Amino acid sequence: QVHLVESGGGLVQPGGSLRLSCAASGSISSIDYRGWYRQAPGKQRELVAVISSSGSTTYADSVKDRFTISRDNGKNTVNLQMNSLKPEDTAVYYCRFFQTDGFHYWGQGTQVTVSS
């Protein structure tokens, strides 16, 4: 069984920074993509950023030039460095791992609140 555990969420003032981390444990096989998603109250879950096993990245327009996704293949982790945070970034952030066989896994989510 595979478990994804996120960490690093919290309360930060506008303009501040946070770093989220997600670690996978268990019998996870070849990972194709790793991603971060978020869901604000009353809104649908949306893609924030995704990174492939080769290192190519894709970002939502709303976070480009502010957020950076990274991964450590050997440790089955994915990180999200978030800078210049805005109140509209407030959401529960989830990590997601995609295996090459088509299976995917979600973390339990970590709350990020941007407020003065």
Protein backbone atom coordinates (compact mmCIF):
# COMPACT_ATOMS: atom_id res chain seq x y z
CA GLN A 1 0.00 0.00 0.00
CA VAL A 2 1.22 3.47 -0.89
CA HIS A 3 0.96 6.49 1.37
CA LEU A 4 1.72 10.09 0.47
CA VAL A 5 2.31 12.47 3.36
CA GLU A 6 2.44 16.23 2.87
CA SER A 7 4.07 18.69 5.24
CA GLY A 8 4.94 22.36 5.39
CA GLY A 9 1.56 24.06 5.28
CA GLY A 10 0.55 26.83 7.63
CA LEU A 11 -0.37 30.47 8.02
CA VAL A 12 1.70 33.11 6.24
CA GLN A 13 1.29 36.81 5.52
CA PRO A 14 0.81 38.07 1.96
CA GLY A 15 4.16 38.27 0.22
CA GLY A 16 5.60 35.51 2.36
CA SER A 17 6.92 32.07 1.45
CA LEU A 18 6.23 28.46 2.31
CA ARG A 19 7.76 25.19 1.21
CA LEU A 20 5.59 22.10 0.91
CA SER A 21 6.99 18.60 0.85
CA CYS A 22 5.42 15.27 0.02
CA ALA A 23 6.98 11.89 0.65
CA ALA A 24 5.74 8.57 -0.67
CA SER A 25 6.14 5.34 1.25
CA GLY A 26 5.12 1.78 0.53
CA SER A 27 5.21 -0.33 -2.59
CA ILE A 28 5.30 2.41 -5.17
CA SER A 29 6.61 1.41 -8.57
CA SER A 30 8.01 3.50 -11.37
CA ILE A 31 6.81 7.08 -10.99
CA ASP A 32 5.94 8.97 -14.15
CA TYR A 33 4.70 12.33 -12.86
CA ARG A 34 4.43 14.06 -9.50
CA GLY A 35 2.13 16.96 -8.99
CA TRP A 36 0.64 19.49 -6.62
CA TYR A 37 -3.04 20.42 -6.68
CA ARG A 38 -5.11 22.70 -4.52
CA GLN A 39 -8.71 23.16 -3.54
CA ALA A 40 -10.10 26.38 -2.13
CA PRO A 41 -13.44 26.46 -0.27
CA GLY A 42 -16.34 26.22 -2.70
CA LYS A 43 -14.06 25.60 -5.67
CA GLN A 44 -12.96 22.60 -7.67
CA ARG A 45 -9.56 21.04 -7.15
CA GLU A 46 -7.08 22.47 -9.63
CA LEU A 47 -3.62 21.68 -10.89
CA VAL A 48 -0.86 23.87 -9.46
CA ALA A 49 2.27 22.27 -10.89
CA VAL A 50 3.51 18.95 -12.20
CA ILE A 51 6.98 17.54 -12.81
CA SER A 52 7.93 14.52 -14.91
CA SER A 53 10.56 11.91 -14.13
CA SER A 54 12.83 13.68 -16.62
CA GLY A 55 12.37 17.01 -14.85
CA SER A 56 10.09 18.84 -17.23
CA THR A 57 7.59 21.08 -15.45
CA THR A 58 4.18 22.60 -16.03
CA TYR A 59 2.59 25.36 -13.95
CA ALA A 60 -0.82 26.93 -13.66
CA ASP A 61 -0.73 30.46 -15.04
CA SER A 62 -1.74 31.83 -11.64
CA VAL A 63 1.46 30.55 -9.98
CA LYS A 64 4.05 30.92 -12.74
CA ASP A 65 7.18 32.78 -11.64
CA ARG A 66 6.13 32.45 -7.99
CA PHE A 67 6.07 28.70 -7.34
CA THR A 68 8.74 26.11 -8.10
CA ILE A 69 8.20 22.36 -8.12
CA SER A 70 11.09 19.96 -7.58
CA ARG A 71 11.61 16.27 -6.94
CA ASP A 72 14.12 13.80 -5.61
CA ASN A 73 13.75 10.61 -7.62
CA GLY A 74 15.79 8.54 -5.21
CA LYS A 75 13.68 9.54 -2.24
CA ASN A 76 10.22 9.51 -3.90
CA THR A 77 9.54 13.07 -2.84
CA VAL A 78 8.14 16.18 -4.43
CA ASN A 79 8.40 19.73 -3.14
CA LEU A 80 6.69 23.02 -3.86
CA GLN A 81 8.46 26.26 -3.06
CA MET A 82 5.87 29.03 -2.88
CA ASN A 83 7.00 32.64 -2.92
CA SER A 84 5.16 35.96 -3.08
CA LEU A 85 2.07 34.30 -1.68
CA LYS A 86 -1.30 35.95 -2.17
CA PRO A 87 -4.58 35.57 -0.28
CA GLU A 88 -6.01 33.79 -3.33
CA ASP A 89 -3.41 31.04 -2.84
CA THR A 90 -5.28 29.98 0.29
CA ALA A 91 -6.37 26.37 -0.15
CA VAL A 92 -5.75 22.80 0.86
CA TYR A 93 -2.77 21.56 -1.14
CA TYR A 94 -2.55 17.92 -2.23
CA CYS A 95 0.30 15.99 -3.79
CA ARG A 96 -0.32 13.30 -6.37
CA PHE A 97 1.98 10.63 -7.79
CA PHE A 98 1.33 8.97 -11.14
CA GLN A 99 2.84 5.57 -11.84
CA THR A 100 3.77 4.46 -15.35
CA ASP A 101 1.20 1.65 -15.08
CA GLY A 102 -1.61 4.20 -14.75
CA PHE A 103 -2.21 4.02 -11.02
CA HIS A 104 -2.09 7.26 -9.08
CA TYR A 105 -2.12 8.22 -5.41
CA TRP A 106 -3.20 11.29 -3.45
CA GLY A 107 -1.89 12.72 -0.22
CA GLN A 108 -4.23 13.74 2.59
CA GLY A 109 -3.73 17.47 2.02
CA THR A 110 -2.12 20.30 3.93
CA GLN A 111 -3.73 23.67 4.63
CA VAL A 112 -2.10 26.85 3.35
CA THR A 113 -3.60 30.11 4.57
CA VAL A 114 -2.36 33.48 3.33
CA SER A 115 -3.69 36.28 5.48
CA SER A 116 -2.57 39.36 7.34
